Protein backbone atom coordinates (compact mmCIF):
# COMPACT_ATOMS: atom_id res chain seq x y z
CA MET A 1 181.12 117.61 -69.72
CA LYS A 2 177.81 119.35 -69.60
CA SER A 3 176.38 116.83 -67.16
CA LEU A 4 179.50 117.57 -64.75
CA ILE A 5 178.74 121.37 -64.99
CA LEU A 6 175.06 120.63 -64.28
CA ILE A 7 175.80 118.33 -61.19
CA GLY A 8 178.20 120.95 -59.95
CA LEU A 9 175.63 123.84 -60.21
CA LEU A 10 173.13 121.56 -58.43
CA VAL A 11 175.32 120.74 -55.62
CA THR A 12 176.46 124.35 -55.17
CA SER A 13 172.95 125.61 -55.10
CA SER A 14 171.90 122.90 -52.70
CA LEU A 15 174.69 123.66 -50.34
CA ALA A 16 173.94 127.38 -50.49
CA TYR A 17 170.32 126.70 -49.53
CA ALA A 18 171.18 124.25 -46.88
CA GLU A 19 173.61 126.73 -45.16
CA THR A 20 170.93 129.60 -44.77
CA PRO A 21 170.54 130.21 -41.14
CA VAL A 22 166.93 129.77 -39.84
CA PHE A 23 165.45 131.92 -37.12
CA GLU A 24 161.93 131.47 -35.61
CA LEU A 25 159.53 134.13 -34.74
CA HIS A 26 156.33 133.22 -32.84
CA ILE A 27 153.02 135.17 -32.76
CA LYS A 28 151.05 134.50 -29.57
CA ASP A 29 148.58 136.81 -27.93
CA HIS A 30 148.95 139.12 -30.80
CA GLN A 31 152.83 139.68 -29.77
CA PHE A 32 155.97 138.66 -31.49
CA THR A 33 158.31 136.63 -29.49
CA PRO A 34 161.13 137.28 -29.43
CA ALA A 35 160.45 141.00 -29.80
CA GLU A 36 164.04 141.51 -30.55
CA LEU A 37 165.81 139.09 -32.83
CA GLN A 38 169.59 139.24 -33.62
CA ILE A 39 170.78 138.12 -37.06
CA PRO A 40 174.29 138.14 -38.66
CA ALA A 41 175.25 141.06 -40.97
CA GLY A 42 175.79 140.25 -44.60
CA THR A 43 174.00 136.97 -44.62
CA LYS A 44 170.71 135.89 -46.12
CA VAL A 45 168.41 134.46 -43.55
CA LYS A 46 165.23 132.58 -43.38
CA LEU A 47 162.63 133.71 -40.68
CA LEU A 48 160.14 131.03 -39.85
CA VAL A 49 157.01 133.04 -38.58
CA LYS A 50 154.83 130.83 -36.48
CA ASN A 51 151.24 131.99 -35.84
CA MET A 52 150.01 130.37 -32.62
CA ASP A 53 146.96 132.60 -32.38
CA VAL A 54 143.45 131.45 -34.10
CA SER A 55 143.40 134.75 -35.89
CA PRO A 56 145.58 135.76 -38.83
CA GLU A 57 148.51 138.20 -38.43
CA GLU A 58 150.72 139.89 -40.79
CA PHE A 59 154.54 140.25 -40.66
CA GLU A 60 155.15 143.69 -42.21
CA SER A 61 158.25 145.76 -42.40
CA TYR A 62 158.86 148.85 -44.43
CA GLU A 63 162.59 148.92 -43.74
CA LEU A 64 162.97 145.30 -44.78
CA ASN A 65 160.29 145.56 -47.71
CA ARG A 66 158.52 142.54 -46.52
CA GLU A 67 154.78 141.89 -46.17
CA LYS A 68 153.35 138.37 -45.40
CA ILE A 69 150.06 137.43 -44.04
CA ILE A 70 150.25 134.33 -41.69
CA PRO A 71 146.83 132.65 -41.20
CA GLY A 72 145.97 131.50 -37.72
CA LYS A 73 147.59 128.32 -36.38
CA SER A 74 150.05 128.13 -39.29
CA GLU A 75 153.66 129.35 -40.28
CA ALA A 76 155.27 131.07 -43.21
CA VAL A 77 158.76 131.74 -44.49
CA VAL A 78 160.22 135.12 -44.90
CA PHE A 79 163.62 135.52 -46.53
CA ILE A 80 165.56 138.63 -45.66
CA GLY A 81 168.87 139.89 -46.21
CA PRO A 82 171.76 140.05 -46.60
CA LEU A 83 171.58 143.26 -44.51
CA ASP A 84 174.05 146.03 -43.16
CA PRO A 85 174.36 146.51 -39.46
CA GLY A 86 171.48 148.22 -38.10
CA THR A 87 167.97 147.92 -36.50
CA TYR A 88 165.03 147.11 -38.57
CA GLY A 89 161.48 147.37 -37.38
CA PHE A 90 158.75 144.96 -38.11
CA PHE A 91 154.98 144.86 -36.90
CA GLY A 92 151.65 142.86 -37.13
CA GLU A 93 149.36 145.19 -39.20
CA PHE A 94 146.28 143.51 -37.67
CA ASN A 95 147.40 144.35 -34.14
CA MET A 96 149.63 147.39 -34.36
CA ASP A 97 149.52 148.18 -30.68
CA THR A 98 150.93 144.83 -29.40
CA ALA A 99 152.62 143.17 -32.29
CA LYS A 100 155.78 144.92 -32.64
CA GLY A 101 159.45 144.00 -32.90
CA LYS A 102 162.80 144.67 -34.37
CA ILE A 103 165.58 142.68 -35.96
CA ILE A 104 169.00 143.71 -34.72
CA VAL A 105 171.67 143.03 -37.28
CA GLU A 106 175.31 142.81 -36.16
């Protein structure tokens, strides 16, 4: 019986992880693309942030309470949500004049 419960928990957690929507952000020339990213409300999402530049950049958002350095020519994962509808700003701390964006939750 215990093994059936364990298998059920593993399958459930695997399905939940597999169903997490993935959204990509790219950093190129010290700018985020897309600068506006729409995601669904009430859903945990996975942001895959790909830094195409050779220099590091940071994905930072006070509103999302997230901060992640992405070395040059690499990628990082940032989980956010579930979020209420609204607009949440983010920026790259190393290039604050150009690396800006917002996540629009609908």
